[in-house]
Amino acid sequence: MNARLWKFLTSLKVTVVLLLLSTLLVFLGTLAQVNEGLWEAQERWFKSYFVFRHAGDAWWVPPVFPGGYTLGFSLLFNLIAAHIHRFQWSSKKVGIHLTHAGIVLLLVGQLATDMLSRESFVSFEEGQTRDYSEAHRTVELVVLGEPQNGRERVVAFSEAAVARKQALVAPDFPFEMRVTEWGENGEVHSHATLLEIGTQMQTAIATMKSKYGTAEALPGEAERAKENGARSAIWAEALKAVGEKDPDIVAAAKRVAADPAREGVLRKELQTRFSTQMLEAFGMRQPTMEKMQAAKYLGSQLAEDKFIPLDKLPAAAAQGAGQRMLLVPKPPAHGMDDRNFPYAKIEILEKGKSLGIWMLSPWIVPQEIQAGGQTFRIALRSERYGQPFSLTLLKTTHEVYPGTQIPKNFQSHILLENKEKGEKREVDISMNNPLRYGGLTFYQHQMGRTEISGGKGNSQLQVVRNPSWITPYLGCAIVSLGMVWQFLYHLVGFVTKPRPAKAKAPLQA
């Protein structure tokens, strides 16, 4: 290697520059979480080789900047090269060599963790069994074929392949799929649910607005509102908007009702404020998540005075469940606790002939298609990671401190079964007692109770796979050993160093 190049690669100045760039990367990546969210910022800034400026980025995002992998590999190479260049084998340097080796191991461990680690979750109710975990933020398109030899045929396509709109061909299946539309986030609502909830909401709002349809009705409605604190407060706000500050809402209502220039404004204010309150309360009272989402969507439409033709709802697709669904595309969610629900429209082709277009979403259960005289099911679901063992949730323990919602003890009693190893045993997983098995660590994450299923307990376990989990401990141990060695070496040398003899004082005459 060229001497100048080798000198440059082993230079301490390069180390300083890389450390400064790493510090700046941490600052910019942390700042980016405000607009991009935690997960996207991590992927873009720290789990990449280069960061490129995109349209819509903040002004401070540079056109190009080295990502976490580039700086990590550069620091690792610089440290190894400098160590080789200056290596001297002696007992005096052992501590320095150990410290360098520990730092190298820490860097390698961090890079391995970023590239190889994986987080997922297992969610089940009491009595349910799972032999897989699911990804938090990625989905997969699956084709489920008729069972053969007692086992269901499953072919899965990654989210990346679907998003690129590639031709998807399942081996041994008599059809292929073509992605005609892909969305990163969207809601899917049943026509039947929208019709039910929308009719109720429109009827309730029309009834409410009729109460304030004339000026003559205002004093009587104000009198009835005095009996309810929340309604009285809304009246006070509406009256204030038309210039009334009298705490007696009945007297104020009478004055406004007699003023043609203000009574129409007051009625509009009351209708708008009571409509907003009614829509929020209507959504919270729904018994299922599906109806709550539908009420929230319809409420946003009504709040913007958008007419909802419930008898002419458009279909999301021409085939399958999409015929009875409404698709509502939404902007990507970036919050830490938010989740995107991708959707796709898939055209099924059998020998080049189109069988129609199906709408797929995690909200929609697997749909049947007929091809080649066989029945198949297709679905878009959270990406799954199979395991050679199964977990059955036997019992949940959900305890909180009295008078609060602060967790005291969340515990899942699990039956672990591995047929390949002939293993079957019961284990407990609690907040401070994870299960480590098969290269995975299961942490107790969330717990609740599903009233719809008869009050059964449900539990969610966080599943972490990290093949390089031991490297941080080894790296820290080696660095500590090197520092202790170096300290003791110099301490022993100082203690055993010969001291010069003291000069004798001259005798006095």
Protein backbone atom coordinates (compact mmCIF):
# COMPACT_ATOMS: atom_id res chain seq x y z
CA MET A 1 0.00 0.00 0.00
CA ASN A 2 1.19 3.52 -0.77
CA ALA A 3 3.06 4.98 2.22
CA ARG A 4 1.16 8.27 2.09
CA LEU A 5 -2.19 6.50 1.93
CA TRP A 6 -1.27 4.24 4.85
CA LYS A 7 -0.12 7.27 6.84
CA PHE A 8 -3.43 9.00 6.10
CA LEU A 9 -5.53 5.98 7.10
CA THR A 10 -3.67 5.59 10.39
CA SER A 11 -3.63 9.29 11.19
CA LEU A 12 -5.07 10.55 14.47
CA LYS A 13 -6.48 13.51 12.53
CA VAL A 14 -8.75 11.11 10.61
CA THR A 15 -9.94 9.71 13.92
CA VAL A 16 -10.80 13.18 15.20
CA VAL A 17 -12.67 14.08 11.99
CA LEU A 18 -14.66 10.84 12.09
CA LEU A 19 -15.58 11.43 15.74
CA LEU A 20 -16.70 14.98 14.94
CA LEU A 21 -18.81 13.72 12.01
CA SER A 22 -20.29 11.04 14.27
CA THR A 23 -21.23 13.67 16.85
CA LEU A 24 -22.84 15.79 14.13
CA LEU A 25 -24.69 12.73 12.80
CA VAL A 26 -26.14 12.04 16.25
CA PHE A 27 -27.26 15.67 16.51
CA LEU A 28 -28.85 15.77 13.04
CA GLY A 29 -30.43 12.33 13.41
CA THR A 30 -31.95 13.29 16.75
CA LEU A 31 -33.22 16.56 15.30
CA ALA A 32 -34.75 14.68 12.36
CA GLN A 33 -36.98 12.68 14.70
CA VAL A 34 -39.19 15.76 15.11
CA ASN A 35 -40.39 15.55 11.49
CA GLU A 36 -39.55 11.98 10.49
CA GLY A 37 -40.36 10.07 13.67
CA LEU A 38 -38.12 7.72 15.62
CA TRP A 39 -38.24 4.69 13.33
CA GLU A 40 -37.77 6.53 10.04
CA ALA A 41 -34.96 8.69 11.45
CA GLN A 42 -33.12 5.62 12.71
CA GLU A 43 -33.36 3.88 9.35
CA ARG A 44 -32.42 6.94 7.34
CA TRP A 45 -29.61 8.43 9.44
CA PHE A 46 -28.09 5.62 11.50
CA LYS A 47 -28.83 2.39 9.60
CA SER A 48 -27.58 3.62 6.23
CA TYR A 49 -24.37 4.33 4.40
CA PHE A 50 -25.32 7.80 3.14
CA VAL A 51 -28.11 10.29 3.85
CA PHE A 52 -29.41 12.15 0.78
CA ARG A 53 -31.58 15.23 0.89
CA HIS A 54 -35.20 14.69 -0.18
CA ALA A 55 -37.86 17.12 -1.32
CA GLY A 56 -39.64 18.58 1.70
CA ASP A 57 -36.71 18.12 4.10
CA ALA A 58 -35.87 20.83 6.63
CA TRP A 59 -33.42 23.54 5.54
CA TRP A 60 -30.62 22.12 7.69
CA VAL A 61 -30.51 18.70 5.97
CA PRO A 62 -27.31 18.63 3.84
CA PRO A 63 -27.39 17.41 0.21
CA VAL A 64 -25.41 14.34 1.24
CA PHE A 65 -24.01 13.17 4.57
CA PRO A 66 -22.26 9.96 5.69
CA GLY A 67 -24.65 7.60 7.44
CA GLY A 68 -24.11 5.52 10.54
CA TYR A 69 -22.72 2.48 8.73
CA THR A 70 -20.16 4.54 6.78
CA LEU A 71 -18.85 6.29 9.88
CA GLY A 72 -18.93 3.09 11.92
CA PHE A 73 -16.92 1.07 9.39
CA SER A 74 -14.52 3.99 8.88
CA LEU A 75 -13.85 4.32 12.61
CA LEU A 76 -13.38 0.57 12.89
CA PHE A 77 -10.91 0.45 9.99
CA ASN A 78 -9.03 3.51 11.27
CA LEU A 79 -8.69 2.05 14.74
CA ILE A 80 -7.47 -1.34 13.48
CA ALA A 81 -5.03 0.25 11.03
CA ALA A 82 -3.63 2.60 13.67
CA HIS A 83 -3.25 -0.28 16.10
CA ILE A 84 -1.36 -2.40 13.54
CA HIS A 85 0.83 0.55 12.55
CA ARG A 86 1.86 1.37 16.11
CA PHE A 87 1.80 -2.14 17.56
CA GLN A 88 4.64 -2.94 19.93
CA TRP A 89 4.62 -6.14 21.91
CA SER A 90 5.75 -5.48 25.49
CA SER A 91 4.27 -5.78 28.94
CA LYS A 92 4.13 -1.99 29.08
CA LYS A 93 1.70 -1.92 26.10
CA VAL A 94 -0.56 -4.84 27.07
CA GLY A 95 -3.15 -2.57 28.71
CA ILE A 96 -3.30 -0.31 25.64
CA HIS A 97 -3.66 -3.33 23.34
CA LEU A 98 -6.51 -4.72 25.45
CA THR A 99 -8.27 -1.34 25.53
CA HIS A 100 -8.04 -1.03 21.75
CA ALA A 101 -9.31 -4.60 21.30
CA GLY A 102 -12.27 -3.88 23.58
CA ILE A 103 -13.20 -0.74 21.64
CA VAL A 104 -12.96 -2.65 18.35
CA LEU A 105 -15.26 -5.32 19.79
CA LEU A 106 -17.75 -2.66 20.91
CA LEU A 107 -17.82 -1.15 17.40
CA VAL A 108 -18.21 -4.56 15.76
CA GLY A 109 -20.94 -5.49 18.24
CA GLN A 110 -22.90 -2.30 17.57
CA LEU A 111 -22.71 -2.77 13.81
CA ALA A 112 -23.74 -6.42 14.16
CA THR A 113 -26.66 -5.43 16.40
CA ASP A 114 -27.92 -2.87 13.87
CA MET A 115 -27.68 -5.34 11.00
CA LEU A 116 -28.73 -8.61 12.64
CA SER A 117 -31.04 -7.77 15.54
CA ARG A 118 -34.80 -7.96 15.13
CA GLU A 119 -37.73 -6.92 17.28
CA SER A 120 -41.22 -8.37 16.95
CA PHE A 121 -44.16 -9.26 19.17
CA VAL A 122 -46.49 -12.10 20.10
CA SER A 123 -50.08 -11.18 20.91
CA PHE A 124 -52.64 -13.77 22.09
CA GLU A 125 -55.58 -14.42 24.41
CA GLU A 126 -55.85 -17.01 27.14
CA GLY A 127 -56.08 -20.43 25.51
CA GLN A 128 -54.51 -19.35 22.20
CA THR A 129 -51.27 -20.81 20.80
CA ARG A 130 -48.66 -19.04 18.70
CA ASP A 131 -45.68 -20.53 16.87
CA TYR A 132 -44.67 -17.23 15.28
CA SER A 133 -44.03 -13.59 16.13
CA GLU A 134 -45.09 -10.55 14.09
CA ALA A 135 -43.21 -7.47 12.92
CA HIS A 136 -44.19 -4.10 14.36
CA ARG A 137 -44.05 -2.02 11.20
CA THR A 138 -43.69 -4.21 8.11
CA VAL A 139 -46.25 -6.34 6.28
CA GLU A 140 -46.16 -9.21 3.82
CA LEU A 141 -48.45 -10.44 1.07
CA VAL A 142 -49.29 -14.11 1.58
CA VAL A 143 -50.92 -16.69 -0.66
CA LEU A 144 -52.45 -19.64 1.20
CA GLY A 145 -53.06 -22.76 -0.85
CA GLU A 146 -55.09 -25.88 -0.18
CA PRO A 147 -53.37 -28.25 2.31
CA GLN A 148 -51.03 -30.92 1.01
CA ASN A 149 -49.85 -33.80 3.20
CA GLY A 150 -51.72 -32.22 6.11
CA ARG A 151 -49.91 -28.89 5.84
CA GLU A 152 -51.19 -25.63 4.37
CA ARG A 153 -49.12 -24.20 1.55
CA VAL A 154 -47.96 -20.66 2.28
CA VAL A 155 -46.00 -18.33 -0.01
CA ALA A 156 -45.05 -14.89 1.32
CA PHE A 157 -43.83 -11.79 -0.54
CA SER A 158 -42.02 -9.01 1.31
CA GLU A 159 -43.38 -5.48 1.68
CA ALA A 160 -40.46 -4.18 -0.38
CA ALA A 161 -41.39 -6.44 -3.33
CA VAL A 162 -45.03 -5.35 -3.16
CA ALA A 163 -44.12 -1.65 -2.85
CA ARG A 164 -41.90 -1.89 -5.95
CA LYS A 165 -44.95 -3.25 -7.84
CA GLN A 166 -43.05 -6.27 -9.07
CA ALA A 167 -44.74 -9.19 -10.77
CA LEU A 168 -45.39 -11.69 -7.97
CA VAL A 169 -45.27 -15.34 -8.99
CA ALA A 170 -45.98 -18.08 -6.47
CA PRO A 171 -44.25 -21.39 -7.36
CA ASP A 172 -46.63 -24.24 -8.24
CA PHE A 173 -49.62 -21.87 -8.11
CA PRO A 174 -51.57 -21.48 -11.40
CA PHE A 175 -51.64 -17.69 -11.40
CA GLU A 176 -49.48 -14.60 -10.98
CA MET A 177 -50.18 -11.26 -9.31
CA ARG A 178 -49.59 -7.71 -10.43
CA VAL A 179 -49.64 -4.77 -8.00
CA THR A 180 -51.71 -1.98 -9.55
CA GLU A 181 -51.70 0.35 -6.52
CA TRP A 182 -49.71 0.58 -3.30
CA GLY A 183 -50.21 2.91 -0.35
CA GLU A 184 -48.06 3.30 2.75
CA ASN A 185 -51.00 4.09 5.02
CA GLY A 186 -54.76 3.95 4.74
CA GLU A 187 -58.01 3.08 6.47
CA VAL A 188 -60.57 0.62 5.16
CA HIS A 189 -64.19 0.95 6.27
CA SER A 190 -67.09 -1.43 5.69
CA HIS A 191 -69.98 0.07 3.72
CA ALA A 192 -72.44 -1.52 6.14
CA THR A 193 -70.72 0.03 9.17
CA LEU A 194 -70.49 3.45 7.53
CA LEU A 195 -74.17 3.30 6.60
CA GLU A 196 -75.19 2.32 10.13
CA ILE A 197 -73.00 4.85 11.95
CA GLY A 198 -73.48 7.60 9.38
CA THR A 199 -77.27 7.37 9.49
CA GLN A 200 -77.25 7.60 13.28
CA MET A 201 -74.87 10.57 13.27
CA GLN A 202 -76.69 12.53 10.59
CA THR A 203 -80.03 11.94 12.31
CA ALA A 204 -78.64 13.07 15.66
CA ILE A 205 -77.04 16.20 14.20
CA ALA A 206 -80.17 17.10 12.21
CA THR A 207 -82.23 16.77 15.39
CA MET A 208 -79.79 18.92 17.32
CA LYS A 209 -79.69 21.63 14.63
CA SER A 210 -83.50 21.76 14.53
CA LYS A 211 -83.48 22.84 18.18
CA TYR A 212 -81.71 26.02 17.15
CA GLY A 213 -83.54 26.49 13.87
CA THR A 214 -85.42 29.64 14.91
CA ALA A 215 -84.74 32.68 17.09
CA GLU A 216 -87.86 31.96 19.16
CA ALA A 217 -86.38 28.65 20.35
CA LEU A 218 -83.21 30.19 21.82
CA PRO A 219 -84.51 31.36 25.26
CA GLY A 220 -86.17 28.01 25.97
CA GLU A 221 -83.06 26.03 25.01
CA ALA A 222 -80.93 28.34 27.16
CA GLU A 223 -83.27 27.71 30.11
CA ARG A 224 -82.88 23.93 29.70
CA ALA A 225 -79.11 24.26 29.31
CA LYS A 226 -78.81 25.86 32.78
CA GLU A 227 -79.45 22.42 34.31
CA ASN A 228 -76.33 20.94 32.66
CA GLY A 229 -72.86 22.36 33.40
CA ALA A 230 -71.27 21.25 30.11
CA ARG A 231 -74.14 22.59 27.96
CA SER A 232 -74.22 25.81 29.95
CA ALA A 233 -70.50 26.32 29.27
CA ILE A 234 -71.04 25.89 25.52
CA TRP A 235 -73.84 28.44 25.64
CA ALA A 236 -71.59 30.90 27.48
CA GLU A 237 -68.86 30.51 24.82
CA ALA A 238 -71.33 30.96 21.96
CA LEU A 239 -72.87 34.05 23.58
CA LYS A 240 -69.42 35.50 24.12
CA ALA A 241 -68.73 35.07 20.39
CA VAL A 242 -71.66 37.42 19.63
CA GLY A 243 -70.61 40.02 22.20
CA GLU A 244 -72.59 38.91 25.29
CA LYS A 245 -70.74 38.75 28.63
CA ASP A 246 -73.75 38.46 30.95
CA PRO A 247 -73.36 35.31 33.17
CA ASP A 248 -77.15 34.84 32.96
CA ILE A 249 -77.34 32.88 29.70
CA VAL A 250 -81.16 33.05 29.59
CA ALA A 251 -81.26 36.85 29.77
CA ALA A 252 -78.45 37.06 27.22
CA ALA A 253 -80.24 34.62 24.90
CA LYS A 254 -83.40 36.73 25.03
CA ARG A 255 -81.49 39.87 24.05
CA VAL A 256 -79.77 38.14 21.14
CA ALA A 257 -83.02 36.49 19.97
CA ALA A 258 -84.58 39.94 19.70
CA ASP A 259 -81.66 41.23 17.61
CA PRO A 260 -81.96 40.08 13.95
CA ALA A 261 -78.34 41.03 13.30
CA ARG A 262 -77.03 38.58 15.93
CA GLU A 263 -79.53 35.76 16.38
CA GLY A 264 -78.45 33.97 13.16
CA VAL A 265 -74.80 34.14 14.22
CA LEU A 266 -75.64 32.71 17.66
CA ARG A 267 -77.62 29.84 16.17
CA LYS A 268 -74.70 29.01 13.87
CA GLU A 269 -72.24 29.14 16.79
CA LEU A 270 -74.43 26.83 18.89
CA GLN A 271 -74.92 24.35 16.05
CA THR A 272 -71.19 24.20 15.33
CA ARG A 273 -70.13 23.81 18.97
CA PHE A 274 -72.76 21.23 19.87
CA SER A 275 -72.03 19.30 16.64
CA THR A 276 -68.33 19.08 17.57
CA GLN A 277 -69.17 17.86 21.07
CA MET A 278 -71.70 15.36 19.76
CA LEU A 279 -69.33 13.91 17.15
CA GLU A 280 -66.53 13.40 19.69
CA ALA A 281 -68.89 11.74 22.18
CA PHE A 282 -70.45 9.58 19.47
CA GLY A 283 -67.10 8.09 18.50
CA MET A 284 -66.14 7.29 22.10
CA ARG A 285 -69.39 5.41 22.73
CA GLN A 286 -68.91 2.84 19.97
CA PRO A 287 -68.55 -0.78 21.20
CA THR A 288 -65.89 -1.96 18.70
CA MET A 289 -62.70 -0.56 17.20
CA GLU A 290 -64.18 -0.87 13.69
CA LYS A 291 -67.15 1.33 14.61
CA MET A 292 -64.94 3.80 16.50
CA GLN A 293 -62.75 4.25 13.41
CA ALA A 294 -65.83 4.67 11.20
CA ALA A 295 -67.35 7.24 13.58
CA LYS A 296 -64.05 9.16 13.68
CA TYR A 297 -63.85 9.27 9.88
CA LEU A 298 -67.49 10.27 9.44
CA GLY A 299 -67.14 12.87 12.19
CA SER A 300 -64.24 14.51 10.36
CA GLN A 301 -66.33 14.64 7.19
CA LEU A 302 -69.35 16.14 8.93
CA ALA A 303 -67.20 18.64 10.82
CA GLU A 304 -66.01 19.98 7.46
CA ASP A 305 -69.62 20.14 6.17
CA LYS A 306 -68.89 17.53 3.52
CA PHE A 307 -71.99 15.75 2.26
CA ILE A 308 -71.72 11.98 2.71
CA PRO A 309 -73.72 10.07 0.07
CA LEU A 310 -74.13 6.94 2.17
CA ASP A 311 -76.21 5.26 -0.53
CA LYS A 312 -73.46 5.76 -3.14
CA LEU A 313 -70.28 4.79 -1.32
CA PRO A 314 -67.50 3.92 -3.81
CA ALA A 315 -66.02 0.42 -3.79
CA ALA A 316 -62.32 -0.07 -3.06
CA ALA A 317 -62.05 -2.88 -5.64
CA ALA A 318 -64.15 -4.76 -8.17
CA GLN A 319 -63.59 -8.18 -6.59
CA GLY A 320 -63.64 -9.73 -3.14
CA ALA A 321 -64.20 -7.82 0.08
CA GLY A 322 -63.18 -4.56 -1.60
CA GLN A 323 -66.60 -4.41 -3.25
CA ARG A 324 -68.07 -3.68 0.18
CA MET A 325 -65.27 -1.45 1.47
CA LEU A 326 -64.33 2.23 1.31
CA LEU A 327 -60.62 3.03 1.07
CA VAL A 328 -59.41 6.22 2.75
CA PRO A 329 -55.72 6.94 1.95
CA LYS A 330 -53.88 8.71 4.78
CA PRO A 331 -50.45 10.36 5.08
CA PRO A 332 -47.70 8.20 6.59
CA ALA A 333 -47.60 8.20 10.39
CA HIS A 334 -44.26 9.10 11.99
CA GLY A 335 -45.07 9.07 15.71
CA MET A 336 -43.30 6.66 18.06
CA ASP A 337 -46.56 4.94 19.00
CA ASP A 338 -48.25 5.35 15.61
CA ARG A 339 -48.51 2.61 13.06
CA ASN A 340 -49.03 2.65 9.32
CA PHE A 341 -51.54 0.31 7.71
CA PRO A 342 -50.40 -0.24 4.11
CA TYR A 343 -52.83 -1.30 1.41
CA ALA A 344 -52.48 -2.78 -2.06
CA LYS A 345 -54.65 -3.46 -5.06
CA ILE A 346 -53.72 -6.74 -6.71
CA GLU A 347 -54.68 -7.96 -10.16
CA ILE A 348 -54.84 -11.76 -10.47
CA LEU A 349 -53.73 -13.18 -13.83
CA GLU A 350 -54.31 -16.80 -14.90
CA LYS A 351 -52.44 -17.67 -18.09
CA GLY A 352 -52.35 -13.98 -18.96
CA LYS A 353 -56.09 -13.52 -18.46
CA SER A 354 -57.20 -11.08 -15.77
CA LEU A 355 -59.48 -12.48 -13.07
CA GLY A 356 -60.07 -9.06 -11.52
CA ILE A 357 -58.57 -6.72 -8.95
CA TRP A 358 -58.66 -7.37 -5.21
CA MET A 359 -58.12 -4.90 -2.38
CA LEU A 360 -55.74 -6.05 0.38
CA SER A 361 -55.17 -4.49 3.80
CA PRO A 362 -54.28 -5.70 7.32
CA TRP A 363 -57.86 -4.66 8.21
CA ILE A 364 -59.27 -7.28 5.78
CA VAL A 365 -59.29 -11.01 6.52
CA PRO A 366 -57.88 -13.43 3.90
CA GLN A 367 -60.00 -13.47 0.74
CA GLU A 368 -60.72 -16.47 -1.46
CA ILE A 369 -59.88 -16.62 -5.16
CA GLN A 370 -60.51 -19.40 -7.65
CA ALA A 371 -57.79 -20.35 -10.14
CA GLY A 372 -56.89 -23.56 -11.92
CA GLY A 373 -59.79 -25.38 -10.33
CA GLN A 374 -58.39 -24.68 -6.86
CA THR A 375 -59.27 -22.34 -4.01
CA PHE A 376 -56.62 -19.97 -2.66
CA ARG A 377 -56.63 -17.21 -0.09
CA ILE A 378 -54.67 -13.96 -0.30
CA ALA A 379 -54.03 -11.40 2.43
CA LEU A 380 -51.84 -8.51 3.50
CA ARG A 381 -50.77 -9.08 7.10
CA SER A 382 -47.99 -8.21 9.52
CA GLU A 383 -44.76 -9.95 8.56
CA ARG A 384 -44.39 -13.19 10.50
CA TYR A 385 -41.29 -14.97 11.80
CA GLY A 386 -41.85 -18.68 12.33
CA GLN A 387 -40.45 -20.54 15.34
CA PRO A 388 -39.74 -24.27 15.82
CA PHE A 389 -41.69 -24.18 19.09
CA SER A 390 -45.05 -22.90 20.28
CA LEU A 391 -46.29 -20.80 23.18
CA THR A 392 -49.76 -21.20 24.69
CA LEU A 393 -51.11 -18.51 27.00
CA LEU A 394 -52.63 -20.33 29.97
CA LYS A 395 -53.31 -17.47 32.40
CA THR A 396 -52.68 -13.76 32.80
CA THR A 397 -52.09 -11.87 36.06
CA HIS A 398 -52.89 -8.16 35.78
CA GLU A 399 -52.30 -6.25 39.02
CA VAL A 400 -52.06 -2.50 39.60
CA TYR A 401 -51.45 -0.46 42.72
CA PRO A 402 -54.74 0.28 44.58
CA GLY A 403 -56.49 3.41 43.37
CA THR A 404 -54.16 3.86 40.37
CA GLN A 405 -53.48 2.44 36.91
CA ILE A 406 -49.76 2.02 37.67
CA PRO A 407 -48.67 -1.58 36.90
CA LYS A 408 -47.75 -3.65 39.92
CA ASN A 409 -47.42 -7.10 38.39
CA PHE A 410 -48.04 -8.17 34.78
CA GLN A 411 -47.41 -11.89 34.39
CA SER A 412 -48.14 -14.44 31.66
CA HIS A 413 -48.27 -18.13 32.53
CA ILE A 414 -47.10 -19.89 29.36
CA LEU A 415 -46.97 -23.49 28.11
CA LEU A 416 -43.81 -23.90 26.01
CA GLU A 417 -43.79 -26.90 23.66
CA ASN A 418 -41.01 -27.99 21.30
CA LYS A 419 -42.00 -31.22 19.57
CA GLU A 420 -38.65 -31.60 17.81
CA LYS A 421 -36.86 -31.75 21.17
CA GLY A 422 -39.70 -33.48 23.03
CA GLU A 423 -39.88 -30.52 25.42
CA LYS A 424 -43.05 -29.41 27.16
CA ARG A 425 -43.04 -27.22 30.25
CA GLU A 426 -44.80 -24.27 31.87
CA VAL A 427 -43.01 -20.98 32.45
CA ASP A 428 -43.88 -17.54 33.82
CA ILE A 429 -42.98 -14.31 32.01
CA SER A 430 -43.28 -11.13 34.06
CA MET A 431 -42.08 -7.52 33.83
CA ASN A 432 -38.66 -8.26 35.33
CA ASN A 433 -38.44 -11.93 34.42
CA PRO A 434 -38.11 -12.51 30.63
CA LEU A 435 -37.99 -15.91 28.94
CA ARG A 436 -34.82 -16.71 26.98
CA TYR A 437 -35.26 -19.61 24.60
CA GLY A 438 -34.18 -20.58 21.10
CA GLY A 439 -32.01 -17.50 20.62
CA LEU A 440 -34.96 -15.23 21.45
CA THR A 441 -35.83 -13.18 24.51
CA PHE A 442 -39.52 -12.73 25.41
CA TYR A 443 -40.36 -9.69 27.53
CA GLN A 444 -43.74 -8.93 29.09
CA HIS A 445 -44.91 -5.84 27.21
CA GLN A 446 -48.65 -5.21 27.47
CA MET A 447 -51.65 -6.83 29.08
CA GLY A 448 -55.39 -6.33 29.06
CA ARG A 449 -58.75 -8.02 28.96
CA THR A 450 -60.88 -8.70 25.91
CA GLU A 451 -64.50 -8.18 26.91
CA ILE A 452 -65.71 -9.20 23.45
CA SER A 453 -64.28 -12.69 24.05
CA GLY A 454 -66.00 -13.19 27.36
CA GLY A 455 -63.53 -11.27 29.47
CA LYS A 456 -60.49 -13.39 28.55
CA GLY A 457 -57.10 -12.02 29.48
CA ASN A 458 -54.80 -11.06 26.64
CA SER A 459 -51.07 -10.48 26.62
CA GLN A 460 -48.47 -9.06 24.29
CA LEU A 461 -44.85 -10.17 24.51
CA GLN A 462 -41.94 -8.23 23.04
CA VAL A 463 -39.62 -10.62 21.18
CA VAL A 464 -35.98 -9.66 20.66
CA ARG A 465 -33.49 -11.56 18.52
CA ASN A 466 -29.93 -10.29 18.91
CA PRO A 467 -27.17 -12.77 18.00
CA SER A 468 -24.48 -10.28 19.09
CA TRP A 469 -25.93 -9.55 22.53
CA ILE A 470 -22.78 -10.76 24.30
CA THR A 471 -20.36 -8.41 22.49
CA PRO A 472 -21.08 -5.24 24.56
CA TYR A 473 -20.41 -7.15 27.78
CA LEU A 474 -17.19 -8.67 26.42
CA GLY A 475 -16.07 -5.33 24.98
CA CYS A 476 -16.61 -3.49 28.27
CA ALA A 477 -14.89 -6.27 30.21
CA ILE A 478 -11.83 -6.19 27.93
CA VAL A 479 -11.61 -2.37 28.07
CA SER A 480 -11.87 -2.50 31.86
CA LEU A 481 -9.19 -5.20 32.03
CA GLY A 482 -6.88 -3.13 29.82
CA MET A 483 -7.33 -0.02 31.95
CA VAL A 484 -6.78 -1.96 35.18
CA TRP A 485 -3.68 -3.63 33.71
CA GLN A 486 -2.25 -0.26 32.62
CA PHE A 487 -2.98 1.34 35.98
CA LEU A 488 -1.45 -1.54 37.97
CA TYR A 489 1.59 -1.68 35.70
CA HIS A 490 2.40 1.99 36.33
CA LEU A 491 1.48 1.71 40.02
CA VAL A 492 3.83 -1.25 40.56
CA GLY A 493 6.56 0.54 38.63
CA PHE A 494 6.14 3.63 40.76
CA VAL A 495 6.13 1.70 44.03
CA THR A 496 9.19 -0.42 43.16
CA LYS A 497 11.17 2.45 41.71
CA PRO A 498 14.43 2.90 43.69
CA ARG A 499 14.53 6.04 45.79
CA PRO A 500 17.79 8.17 45.94
CA ALA A 501 19.58 8.05 49.32
CA LYS A 502 19.10 11.06 51.52
CA ALA A 503 22.26 13.20 52.07
CA LYS A 504 23.55 13.30 55.67
CA ALA A 505 23.52 16.65 57.46
CA PRO A 506 27.03 18.10 58.25
CA LEU A 507 28.24 17.82 61.88
CA GLN A 508 28.12 21.00 63.94
CA ALA A 509 31.42 22.17 65.59
